[in-house]
């Protein structure tokens, strides 16, 4: 997902001009991997990629 830079009603920018990299802790990556595995298991591989 990408956040697009836009001007707000108060004339402030909603995103910085520069891109940033935020390192993730190993436990965050491990938790996300576990979430994806469980989601695929519960939904089935075909259901996870459908757009309906």
C-alpha atoms as a PDB file:
ATOM      1  CA  UNK A   1       0.000   0.000   0.000  1.00  0.00           C
ATOM      2  CA  UNK A   2       1.221   3.466  -0.811  1.00  0.00           C
ATOM      3  CA  UNK A   3       0.149   6.751   0.745  1.00  0.00           C
ATOM      4  CA  UNK A   4      -0.127   9.485  -1.835  1.00  0.00           C
ATOM      5  CA  UNK A   5       1.111  12.931  -0.951  1.00  0.00           C
ATOM      6  CA  UNK A   6      -1.689  15.483  -0.883  1.00  0.00           C
ATOM      7  CA  UNK A   7      -2.479  18.903   0.558  1.00  0.00           C
ATOM      8  CA  UNK A   8      -4.953  19.003   3.440  1.00  0.00           C
ATOM      9  CA  UNK A   9      -7.603  21.638   4.135  1.00  0.00           C
ATOM     10  CA  UNK A  10      -5.168  23.419   6.481  1.00  0.00           C
ATOM     11  CA  UNK A  11      -2.578  23.616   3.637  1.00  0.00           C
ATOM     12  CA  UNK A  12      -0.269  21.129   5.377  1.00  0.00           C
ATOM     13  CA  UNK A  13       1.177  18.176   3.486  1.00  0.00           C
ATOM     14  CA  UNK A  14       0.017  14.753   4.598  1.00  0.00           C
ATOM     15  CA  UNK A  15       3.297  13.024   3.735  1.00  0.00           C
ATOM     16  CA  UNK A  16       6.952  13.929   3.737  1.00  0.00           C
ATOM     17  CA  UNK A  17       8.771  14.500   0.444  1.00  0.00           C
ATOM     18  CA  UNK A  18      11.403  11.962   1.427  1.00  0.00           C
ATOM     19  CA  UNK A  19      10.861   8.208   1.614  1.00  0.00           C
ATOM     20  CA  UNK A  20      11.891   6.493   4.841  1.00  0.00           C
ATOM     21  CA  UNK A  21      12.809   2.942   5.705  1.00  0.00           C
ATOM     22  CA  UNK A  22      11.624   1.660   9.059  1.00  0.00           C
ATOM     23  CA  UNK A  23      13.409  -1.494  10.184  1.00  0.00           C
ATOM     24  CA  UNK A  24      11.226  -4.199  11.710  1.00  0.00           C
ATOM     25  CA  UNK A  25      12.077  -6.342  14.657  1.00  0.00           C
ATOM     26  CA  UNK A  26      12.311 -10.096  14.028  1.00  0.00           C
ATOM     27  CA  UNK A  27       9.251 -10.700  16.234  1.00  0.00           C
ATOM     28  CA  UNK A  28       7.117  -8.369  14.088  1.00  0.00           C
ATOM     29  CA  UNK A  29       8.107 -10.214  10.914  1.00  0.00           C
ATOM     30  CA  UNK A  30       7.524 -13.573  12.578  1.00  0.00           C
ATOM     31  CA  UNK A  31       4.081 -12.459  13.806  1.00  0.00           C
ATOM     32  CA  UNK A  32       3.105 -11.228  10.346  1.00  0.00           C
ATOM     33  CA  UNK A  33       4.254 -14.490   8.745  1.00  0.00           C
ATOM     34  CA  UNK A  34       2.168 -16.430  11.260  1.00  0.00           C
ATOM     35  CA  UNK A  35      -0.873 -14.223  10.568  1.00  0.00           C
ATOM     36  CA  UNK A  36      -0.587 -14.784   6.801  1.00  0.00           C
ATOM     37  CA  UNK A  37      -0.168 -18.550   7.231  1.00  0.00           C
ATOM     38  CA  UNK A  38      -3.240 -18.761   9.493  1.00  0.00           C
ATOM     39  CA  UNK A  39      -5.294 -16.584   7.170  1.00  0.00           C
ATOM     40  CA  UNK A  40      -4.445 -18.744   4.156  1.00  0.00           C
ATOM     41  CA  UNK A  41      -5.255 -21.864   6.147  1.00  0.00           C
ATOM     42  CA  UNK A  42      -8.658 -20.519   7.248  1.00  0.00           C
ATOM     43  CA  UNK A  43      -9.683 -18.996   3.918  1.00  0.00           C
ATOM     44  CA  UNK A  44      -8.028 -21.397   1.543  1.00  0.00           C
ATOM     45  CA  UNK A  45      -5.381 -20.317  -0.948  1.00  0.00           C
ATOM     46  CA  UNK A  46      -7.927 -19.430  -3.678  1.00  0.00           C
ATOM     47  CA  UNK A  47     -10.151 -17.308  -1.414  1.00  0.00           C
ATOM     48  CA  UNK A  48      -7.270 -15.166  -0.134  1.00  0.00           C
ATOM     49  CA  UNK A  49      -6.467 -13.855  -3.601  1.00  0.00           C
ATOM     50  CA  UNK A  50     -10.024 -13.221  -4.803  1.00  0.00           C
ATOM     51  CA  UNK A  51     -11.342  -9.670  -5.043  1.00  0.00           C
ATOM     52  CA  UNK A  52     -14.968 -10.407  -4.086  1.00  0.00           C
END
